[in-house]
């Protein structure tokens, strides 16, 4: 069932159950959070429940500081500060070759090349546009998330692949 898949994604991403209203009652969640959706140019009564759920999961993940939203305009220092805020304590950016002249996809690849040895992945939930809604998880959780998202017509991938 689709709602069970969204619930599993939300659970893996660390979204508390009391913040998962978009899953079981997307219409009410949409009404309660209309401003958020309008900011993403998602409006009207004909918005698909799956769109409400997907963007709701993203917004709640960001609110819970389990992820961070980026675009191509981020400077390296701001980017690293944000990644450090969401990564597990056992990870580090020290020693990863990050160049100010590169962009988020190059930085993300360098991070993933280093972190995969520790069993972690820097990934993102795909949305339309040039935004990256990123998170850090174990490789095993990443593999589950990729399969779950694909089963409901969405995409989760490593940041550099989006």
N, C-alpha and C. Protein backbone atom coordinates (compact mmCIF):
# COMPACT_ATOMS: atom_id res chain seq x y z
N UNK A 1 0.84 -1.18 0.00
CA UNK A 1 0.00 0.00 0.00
C UNK A 1 0.89 1.25 0.00
N UNK A 2 0.51 2.25 -0.76
CA UNK A 2 1.31 3.45 -0.94
C UNK A 2 1.59 4.17 0.37
N UNK A 3 0.59 4.26 1.24
CA UNK A 3 0.81 4.98 2.50
C UNK A 3 1.86 4.30 3.36
N UNK A 4 1.92 2.98 3.31
CA UNK A 4 2.94 2.25 4.07
C UNK A 4 4.34 2.56 3.56
N UNK A 5 4.48 2.72 2.25
CA UNK A 5 5.78 3.05 1.67
C UNK A 5 6.21 4.45 2.11
N UNK A 6 5.30 5.42 2.04
CA UNK A 6 5.64 6.77 2.51
C UNK A 6 6.00 6.76 3.99
N UNK A 7 5.27 5.97 4.78
CA UNK A 7 5.56 5.89 6.22
C UNK A 7 6.95 5.34 6.44
N UNK A 8 7.32 4.30 5.71
CA UNK A 8 8.65 3.72 5.88
C UNK A 8 9.73 4.72 5.49
N UNK A 9 9.52 5.46 4.41
CA UNK A 9 10.48 6.50 4.02
C UNK A 9 10.62 7.54 5.12
N UNK A 10 9.48 8.02 5.63
CA UNK A 10 9.50 9.03 6.70
C UNK A 10 10.22 8.50 7.94
N UNK A 11 9.96 7.25 8.30
CA UNK A 11 10.61 6.66 9.47
C UNK A 11 12.12 6.57 9.28
N UNK A 12 12.55 6.10 8.13
CA UNK A 12 13.99 5.99 7.87
C UNK A 12 14.66 7.36 7.91
N UNK A 13 13.97 8.38 7.41
CA UNK A 13 14.53 9.73 7.40
C UNK A 13 14.48 10.41 8.77
N UNK A 14 13.88 9.76 9.75
CA UNK A 14 13.88 10.29 11.11
C UNK A 14 12.79 11.31 11.40
N UNK A 15 11.72 11.26 10.63
CA UNK A 15 10.61 12.19 10.85
C UNK A 15 9.71 11.59 11.94
N UNK A 16 9.53 12.31 13.05
CA UNK A 16 8.69 11.77 14.14
C UNK A 16 7.27 11.47 13.66
N UNK A 17 6.67 10.46 14.26
CA UNK A 17 5.33 10.04 13.85
C UNK A 17 4.31 11.18 13.92
N UNK A 18 4.44 12.05 14.93
CA UNK A 18 3.47 13.15 15.06
C UNK A 18 3.64 14.22 13.98
N UNK A 19 4.69 14.11 13.16
CA UNK A 19 4.92 15.04 12.05
C UNK A 19 4.65 14.38 10.70
N UNK A 20 4.00 13.20 10.72
CA UNK A 20 3.74 12.45 9.49
C UNK A 20 2.30 12.56 9.01
N UNK A 21 1.64 13.66 9.33
CA UNK A 21 0.25 13.84 8.93
C UNK A 21 0.02 13.84 7.44
N UNK A 22 1.05 14.15 6.68
CA UNK A 22 0.90 14.18 5.22
C UNK A 22 0.64 12.80 4.63
N UNK A 23 0.94 11.76 5.39
CA UNK A 23 0.81 10.41 4.87
C UNK A 23 -0.65 9.92 4.92
N UNK A 24 -1.23 9.94 6.10
CA UNK A 24 -2.59 9.42 6.26
C UNK A 24 -3.67 10.42 5.89
N UNK A 25 -3.38 11.70 6.01
CA UNK A 25 -4.40 12.71 5.74
C UNK A 25 -3.79 13.85 4.91
N UNK A 26 -3.42 13.55 3.66
CA UNK A 26 -2.72 14.56 2.85
C UNK A 26 -3.53 15.83 2.62
N UNK A 27 -4.84 15.72 2.47
CA UNK A 27 -5.66 16.91 2.20
C UNK A 27 -5.63 17.87 3.39
N UNK A 28 -5.73 17.34 4.60
CA UNK A 28 -5.68 18.18 5.80
C UNK A 28 -4.29 18.79 5.97
N UNK A 29 -3.26 17.97 5.73
CA UNK A 29 -1.88 18.46 5.83
C UNK A 29 -1.67 19.60 4.83
N UNK A 30 -2.17 19.40 3.63
CA UNK A 30 -2.05 20.43 2.58
C UNK A 30 -2.74 21.72 3.01
N UNK A 31 -3.94 21.61 3.56
CA UNK A 31 -4.67 22.80 4.02
C UNK A 31 -3.92 23.49 5.16
N UNK A 32 -3.39 22.69 6.08
CA UNK A 32 -2.67 23.25 7.23
C UNK A 32 -1.33 23.88 6.84
N UNK A 33 -0.78 23.47 5.72
CA UNK A 33 0.55 23.93 5.29
C UNK A 33 0.51 24.58 3.91
N UNK A 34 -0.60 25.20 3.57
CA UNK A 34 -0.80 25.77 2.24
C UNK A 34 0.32 26.75 1.86
N UNK A 35 0.78 27.53 2.81
CA UNK A 35 1.82 28.52 2.52
C UNK A 35 3.11 27.86 2.04
N UNK A 36 3.47 26.75 2.66
CA UNK A 36 4.67 26.02 2.23
C UNK A 36 4.56 25.56 0.78
N UNK A 37 3.39 25.04 0.45
CA UNK A 37 3.19 24.54 -0.90
C UNK A 37 3.15 25.70 -1.91
N UNK A 38 2.55 26.80 -1.52
CA UNK A 38 2.52 27.98 -2.40
C UNK A 38 3.93 28.48 -2.69
N UNK A 39 4.82 28.42 -1.68
CA UNK A 39 6.22 28.83 -1.87
C UNK A 39 6.90 27.97 -2.93
N UNK A 40 6.43 26.76 -3.11
CA UNK A 40 6.98 25.84 -4.11
C UNK A 40 6.14 25.85 -5.39
N UNK A 41 5.23 26.82 -5.49
CA UNK A 41 4.33 26.95 -6.65
C UNK A 41 3.44 25.73 -6.83
N UNK A 42 3.04 25.14 -5.71
CA UNK A 42 2.10 24.02 -5.71
C UNK A 42 0.82 24.56 -5.08
N UNK A 43 -0.21 24.74 -5.90
CA UNK A 43 -1.45 25.32 -5.39
C UNK A 43 -2.65 24.72 -6.13
N UNK A 44 -3.81 24.93 -5.54
CA UNK A 44 -5.05 24.50 -6.17
C UNK A 44 -5.63 23.26 -5.52
N UNK A 45 -6.87 23.00 -5.84
CA UNK A 45 -7.58 21.87 -5.25
C UNK A 45 -7.27 20.54 -5.94
N UNK A 46 -6.59 20.60 -7.09
CA UNK A 46 -6.33 19.38 -7.84
C UNK A 46 -4.91 18.82 -7.62
N UNK A 47 -4.24 19.28 -6.57
CA UNK A 47 -2.90 18.78 -6.28
C UNK A 47 -3.00 17.31 -5.89
N UNK A 48 -2.16 16.49 -6.50
CA UNK A 48 -2.16 15.06 -6.27
C UNK A 48 -1.70 14.72 -4.85
N UNK A 49 -2.33 13.75 -4.22
CA UNK A 49 -1.96 13.35 -2.87
C UNK A 49 -0.50 12.92 -2.78
N UNK A 50 0.02 12.27 -3.82
CA UNK A 50 1.42 11.85 -3.80
C UNK A 50 2.37 13.06 -3.77
N UNK A 51 2.01 14.12 -4.45
CA UNK A 51 2.82 15.35 -4.42
C UNK A 51 2.79 15.94 -3.01
N UNK A 52 1.61 15.96 -2.40
CA UNK A 52 1.49 16.47 -1.03
C UNK A 52 2.36 15.65 -0.08
N UNK A 53 2.31 14.34 -0.22
CA UNK A 53 3.10 13.47 0.67
C UNK A 53 4.60 13.66 0.47
N UNK A 54 5.04 13.66 -0.78
CA UNK A 54 6.48 13.75 -1.08
C UNK A 54 7.06 15.07 -0.56
N UNK A 55 6.42 16.18 -0.91
CA UNK A 55 6.91 17.48 -0.46
C UNK A 55 6.74 17.65 1.04
N UNK A 56 5.70 17.06 1.61
CA UNK A 56 5.52 17.10 3.06
C UNK A 56 6.65 16.39 3.78
N UNK A 57 7.04 15.24 3.27
CA UNK A 57 8.18 14.51 3.86
C UNK A 57 9.44 15.37 3.78
N UNK A 58 9.66 15.98 2.64
CA UNK A 58 10.84 16.84 2.49
C UNK A 58 10.81 17.98 3.49
N UNK A 59 9.69 18.68 3.58
CA UNK A 59 9.60 19.82 4.49
C UNK A 59 9.79 19.40 5.94
N UNK A 60 9.18 18.30 6.34
CA UNK A 60 9.33 17.84 7.72
C UNK A 60 10.75 17.37 8.00
N UNK A 61 11.40 16.73 7.03
CA UNK A 61 12.80 16.32 7.18
C UNK A 61 13.67 17.55 7.43
N UNK A 62 13.44 18.61 6.66
CA UNK A 62 14.21 19.84 6.82
C UNK A 62 13.90 20.50 8.16
N UNK A 63 12.62 20.53 8.54
CA UNK A 63 12.23 21.11 9.83
C UNK A 63 12.88 20.39 11.00
N UNK A 64 13.01 19.08 10.89
CA UNK A 64 13.62 18.27 11.96
C UNK A 64 15.14 18.32 11.92
N UNK A 65 15.69 19.09 10.99
CA UNK A 65 17.14 19.22 10.80
C UNK A 65 17.80 17.87 10.54
N UNK A 66 17.07 17.02 9.83
CA UNK A 66 17.60 15.74 9.38
C UNK A 66 18.14 15.87 7.96
N UNK A 67 17.90 17.01 7.35
CA UNK A 67 18.35 17.26 6.00
C UNK A 67 18.53 18.75 5.78
N UNK A 68 19.03 19.09 4.59
CA UNK A 68 19.26 20.50 4.26
C UNK A 68 18.97 20.71 2.78
N UNK A 69 18.34 21.84 2.47
CA UNK A 69 18.06 22.19 1.09
C UNK A 69 19.14 23.10 0.53
N UNK A 70 19.65 22.74 -0.63
CA UNK A 70 20.69 23.51 -1.31
C UNK A 70 20.25 23.86 -2.72
N UNK A 71 20.89 24.88 -3.29
CA UNK A 71 20.80 25.11 -4.73
C UNK A 71 22.22 25.41 -5.22
N UNK A 72 22.35 25.68 -6.48
CA UNK A 72 23.68 25.88 -7.05
C UNK A 72 24.35 27.17 -6.60
N UNK A 73 23.64 28.05 -5.90
CA UNK A 73 24.23 29.33 -5.51
C UNK A 73 25.00 29.26 -4.19
N UNK A 74 25.04 28.11 -3.54
CA UNK A 74 25.73 28.00 -2.26
C UNK A 74 27.23 28.15 -2.43
N UNK A 75 27.82 28.90 -1.50
CA UNK A 75 29.28 28.99 -1.41
C UNK A 75 29.78 27.79 -0.62
N UNK A 76 31.01 27.40 -0.86
CA UNK A 76 31.59 26.23 -0.22
C UNK A 76 31.48 26.30 1.30
N UNK A 77 31.82 27.43 1.89
CA UNK A 77 31.79 27.54 3.36
C UNK A 77 30.38 27.33 3.91
N UNK A 78 29.38 27.90 3.25
CA UNK A 78 27.99 27.71 3.68
C UNK A 78 27.57 26.25 3.50
N UNK A 79 27.97 25.67 2.38
CA UNK A 79 27.66 24.27 2.10
C UNK A 79 28.24 23.36 3.18
N UNK A 80 29.52 23.53 3.49
CA UNK A 80 30.14 22.65 4.49
C UNK A 80 29.51 22.84 5.87
N UNK A 81 29.16 24.07 6.22
CA UNK A 81 28.49 24.32 7.51
C UNK A 81 27.17 23.55 7.58
N UNK A 82 26.42 23.55 6.49
CA UNK A 82 25.13 22.86 6.45
C UNK A 82 25.30 21.35 6.50
N UNK A 83 26.26 20.83 5.76
CA UNK A 83 26.50 19.38 5.77
C UNK A 83 26.93 18.95 7.17
N UNK A 84 27.80 19.73 7.80
CA UNK A 84 28.24 19.38 9.16
C UNK A 84 27.08 19.37 10.14
N UNK A 85 26.06 20.19 9.90
CA UNK A 85 24.90 20.24 10.80
C UNK A 85 24.03 18.99 10.71
N UNK A 86 24.07 18.28 9.58
CA UNK A 86 23.19 17.11 9.41
C UNK A 86 23.91 15.77 9.43
N UNK A 87 25.24 15.79 9.42
CA UNK A 87 25.95 14.51 9.36
C UNK A 87 26.14 13.91 10.75
N UNK A 88 26.18 12.59 10.83
CA UNK A 88 26.44 11.94 12.12
C UNK A 88 27.81 12.34 12.67
N UNK A 89 27.93 12.29 13.98
CA UNK A 89 29.16 12.72 14.64
C UNK A 89 30.39 11.95 14.20
N UNK A 90 30.22 10.70 13.82
CA UNK A 90 31.37 9.88 13.45
C UNK A 90 31.94 10.23 12.08
N UNK A 91 31.25 11.07 11.32
CA UNK A 91 31.73 11.49 10.01
C UNK A 91 32.44 12.83 10.11
N UNK A 92 33.24 13.12 9.08
CA UNK A 92 33.97 14.38 9.04
C UNK A 92 34.15 14.80 7.59
N UNK A 93 34.29 16.10 7.41
CA UNK A 93 34.64 16.63 6.09
C UNK A 93 36.15 16.87 5.98
N UNK A 94 36.86 16.71 7.08
CA UNK A 94 38.31 16.93 7.09
C UNK A 94 39.00 16.00 6.10
N UNK A 95 39.87 16.55 5.32
CA UNK A 95 40.64 15.78 4.36
C UNK A 95 39.94 15.52 3.04
N UNK A 96 38.69 15.93 2.91
CA UNK A 96 37.98 15.75 1.64
C UNK A 96 38.33 16.94 0.75
N UNK A 97 38.84 16.68 -0.46
CA UNK A 97 39.26 17.78 -1.34
C UNK A 97 38.06 18.54 -1.92
N UNK A 98 37.75 19.69 -1.32
CA UNK A 98 36.64 20.53 -1.77
C UNK A 98 37.22 21.87 -2.23
N UNK A 99 36.90 22.25 -3.46
CA UNK A 99 37.44 23.47 -4.06
C UNK A 99 36.32 24.49 -4.22
N UNK A 100 36.57 25.72 -3.79
CA UNK A 100 35.60 26.81 -3.86
C UNK A 100 35.08 27.03 -5.29
N UNK A 101 35.89 26.73 -6.29
CA UNK A 101 35.51 26.97 -7.68
C UNK A 101 34.58 25.91 -8.25
N UNK A 102 34.38 24.80 -7.52
CA UNK A 102 33.49 23.74 -7.98
C UNK A 102 32.06 24.03 -7.54
N UNK A 103 31.15 23.11 -7.82
CA UNK A 103 29.75 23.28 -7.40
C UNK A 103 29.32 22.10 -6.54
N UNK A 104 28.07 22.12 -6.14
CA UNK A 104 27.54 21.13 -5.20
C UNK A 104 27.69 19.70 -5.71
N UNK A 105 27.57 19.47 -7.01
CA UNK A 105 27.67 18.10 -7.51
C UNK A 105 29.10 17.56 -7.36
N UNK A 106 30.09 18.40 -7.59
CA UNK A 106 31.49 18.00 -7.44
C UNK A 106 31.81 17.78 -5.96
N UNK A 107 31.35 18.70 -5.11
CA UNK A 107 31.58 18.54 -3.67
C UNK A 107 30.90 17.28 -3.16
N UNK A 108 29.67 17.03 -3.61
CA UNK A 108 28.93 15.84 -3.16
C UNK A 108 29.64 14.56 -3.57
N UNK A 109 30.16 14.52 -4.78
CA UNK A 109 30.89 13.33 -5.23
C UNK A 109 32.12 13.08 -4.36
N UNK A 110 32.85 14.15 -4.05
CA UNK A 110 34.04 14.01 -3.20
C UNK A 110 33.65 13.49 -1.81
N UNK A 111 32.54 14.01 -1.28
CA UNK A 111 32.05 13.54 0.03
C UNK A 111 31.66 12.08 -0.05
N UNK A 112 30.87 11.70 -1.06
CA UNK A 112 30.44 10.31 -1.17
C UNK A 112 31.60 9.37 -1.42
N UNK A 113 32.57 9.78 -2.22
CA UNK A 113 33.74 8.93 -2.45
C UNK A 113 34.45 8.62 -1.14
N UNK A 114 34.49 9.59 -0.23
CA UNK A 114 35.16 9.42 1.06
C UNK A 114 34.27 8.67 2.06
N UNK A 115 33.03 9.06 2.18
CA UNK A 115 32.15 8.50 3.20
C UNK A 115 31.72 7.07 2.92
N UNK A 116 31.68 6.65 1.69
CA UNK A 116 31.22 5.29 1.40
C UNK A 116 32.09 4.25 2.10
N UNK A 117 33.36 4.59 2.30
CA UNK A 117 34.25 3.67 3.03
C UNK A 117 33.75 3.46 4.45
N UNK A 118 33.07 4.47 5.01
CA UNK A 118 32.52 4.38 6.36
C UNK A 118 31.09 3.86 6.37
N UNK A 119 30.54 3.58 5.18
CA UNK A 119 29.20 3.05 5.09
C UNK A 119 28.10 4.09 5.08
N UNK A 120 28.44 5.34 4.72
CA UNK A 120 27.45 6.42 4.67
C UNK A 120 27.34 7.01 3.27
N UNK A 121 26.18 7.63 3.03
CA UNK A 121 25.89 8.23 1.73
C UNK A 121 25.29 9.62 1.95
N UNK A 122 25.71 10.56 1.11
CA UNK A 122 25.14 11.91 1.05
C UNK A 122 24.17 11.88 -0.12
N UNK A 123 22.87 11.89 0.18
CA UNK A 123 21.84 11.66 -0.83
C UNK A 123 20.83 12.80 -0.84
N UNK A 124 19.88 12.71 -1.78
CA UNK A 124 18.84 13.74 -1.89
C UNK A 124 17.56 13.13 -2.43
N UNK A 125 16.46 13.77 -2.07
CA UNK A 125 15.15 13.44 -2.62
C UNK A 125 14.95 14.32 -3.83
N UNK A 126 14.62 13.74 -4.97
CA UNK A 126 14.47 14.51 -6.20
C UNK A 126 13.14 15.26 -6.22
N UNK A 127 13.25 16.52 -6.62
CA UNK A 127 12.08 17.35 -6.89
C UNK A 127 12.35 18.10 -8.19
N UNK A 128 11.30 18.66 -8.77
CA UNK A 128 11.50 19.48 -9.96
C UNK A 128 12.22 20.75 -9.56
N UNK A 129 13.13 21.21 -10.39
CA UNK A 129 13.84 22.45 -10.10
C UNK A 129 15.31 22.20 -9.86
N UNK A 130 15.98 23.24 -9.38
CA UNK A 130 17.43 23.15 -9.19
C UNK A 130 17.80 23.06 -7.71
N UNK A 131 16.86 22.59 -6.89
CA UNK A 131 17.11 22.46 -5.46
C UNK A 131 17.52 21.03 -5.14
N UNK A 132 18.40 20.90 -4.16
CA UNK A 132 18.82 19.61 -3.66
C UNK A 132 18.35 19.50 -2.22
N UNK A 133 17.43 18.59 -1.92
CA UNK A 133 16.98 18.37 -0.55
C UNK A 133 17.71 17.14 -0.03
N UNK A 134 18.79 17.42 0.70
CA UNK A 134 19.79 16.42 1.02
C UNK A 134 19.66 15.86 2.43
N UNK A 135 20.27 14.71 2.62
CA UNK A 135 20.34 14.06 3.92
C UNK A 135 21.52 13.10 3.91
N UNK A 136 21.89 12.63 5.08
CA UNK A 136 22.97 11.66 5.23
C UNK A 136 22.37 10.42 5.88
N UNK A 137 22.71 9.26 5.33
CA UNK A 137 22.21 8.01 5.91
C UNK A 137 23.22 6.89 5.67
N UNK A 138 22.96 5.76 6.29
CA UNK A 138 23.82 4.60 6.04
C UNK A 138 23.57 4.09 4.63
N UNK A 139 24.53 3.37 4.11
CA UNK A 139 24.38 2.81 2.76
C UNK A 139 23.19 1.84 2.71
N UNK A 140 22.98 1.07 3.76
CA UNK A 140 21.85 0.13 3.75
C UNK A 140 20.52 0.87 3.75
N UNK A 141 20.40 1.96 4.54
CA UNK A 141 19.18 2.76 4.51
C UNK A 141 19.00 3.42 3.15
N UNK A 142 20.09 3.87 2.56
CA UNK A 142 20.03 4.48 1.22
C UNK A 142 19.46 3.49 0.21
N UNK A 143 19.94 2.28 0.23
CA UNK A 143 19.46 1.28 -0.72
C UNK A 143 17.97 1.01 -0.53
N UNK A 144 17.51 0.97 0.73
CA UNK A 144 16.08 0.80 1.00
C UNK A 144 15.29 1.99 0.47
N UNK A 145 15.78 3.20 0.77
CA UNK A 145 15.09 4.41 0.35
C UNK A 145 14.97 4.51 -1.17
N UNK A 146 16.03 4.15 -1.87
CA UNK A 146 16.01 4.19 -3.34
C UNK A 146 14.89 3.28 -3.87
N UNK A 147 14.83 2.06 -3.34
CA UNK A 147 13.82 1.09 -3.80
C UNK A 147 12.41 1.55 -3.42
N UNK A 148 12.25 2.05 -2.20
CA UNK A 148 10.93 2.51 -1.76
C UNK A 148 10.45 3.67 -2.62
N UNK A 149 11.32 4.67 -2.83
CA UNK A 149 10.94 5.83 -3.63
C UNK A 149 10.56 5.41 -5.05
N UNK A 150 11.36 4.54 -5.62
CA UNK A 150 11.08 4.07 -6.99
C UNK A 150 9.73 3.37 -7.07
N UNK A 151 9.37 2.64 -6.03
CA UNK A 151 8.11 1.89 -6.04
C UNK A 151 6.88 2.80 -6.05
N UNK A 152 7.04 4.07 -5.68
CA UNK A 152 5.92 5.02 -5.68
C UNK A 152 6.13 6.15 -6.69
N UNK A 153 7.07 5.93 -7.62
CA UNK A 153 7.26 6.89 -8.71
C UNK A 153 8.10 8.10 -8.37
N UNK A 154 8.94 8.00 -7.32
CA UNK A 154 9.83 9.10 -6.96
C UNK A 154 11.27 8.62 -7.06
N UNK A 155 12.18 9.54 -6.80
CA UNK A 155 13.60 9.21 -6.93
C UNK A 155 14.40 9.76 -5.77
N UNK A 156 15.21 8.89 -5.20
CA UNK A 156 16.24 9.27 -4.23
C UNK A 156 17.54 8.78 -4.82
N UNK A 157 18.55 9.63 -4.79
CA UNK A 157 19.84 9.26 -5.39
C UNK A 157 20.94 10.00 -4.65
N UNK A 158 22.16 9.64 -4.95
CA UNK A 158 23.28 10.41 -4.42
C UNK A 158 23.21 11.81 -5.02
N UNK A 159 23.60 12.79 -4.23
CA UNK A 159 23.44 14.18 -4.64
C UNK A 159 24.07 14.46 -6.00
N UNK A 160 25.25 13.93 -6.25
CA UNK A 160 25.94 14.25 -7.51
C UNK A 160 25.22 13.69 -8.74
N UNK A 161 24.29 12.77 -8.54
CA UNK A 161 23.57 12.18 -9.68
C UNK A 161 22.27 12.89 -10.03
N UNK A 162 21.91 13.89 -9.25
CA UNK A 162 20.64 14.59 -9.51
C UNK A 162 20.87 15.83 -10.36
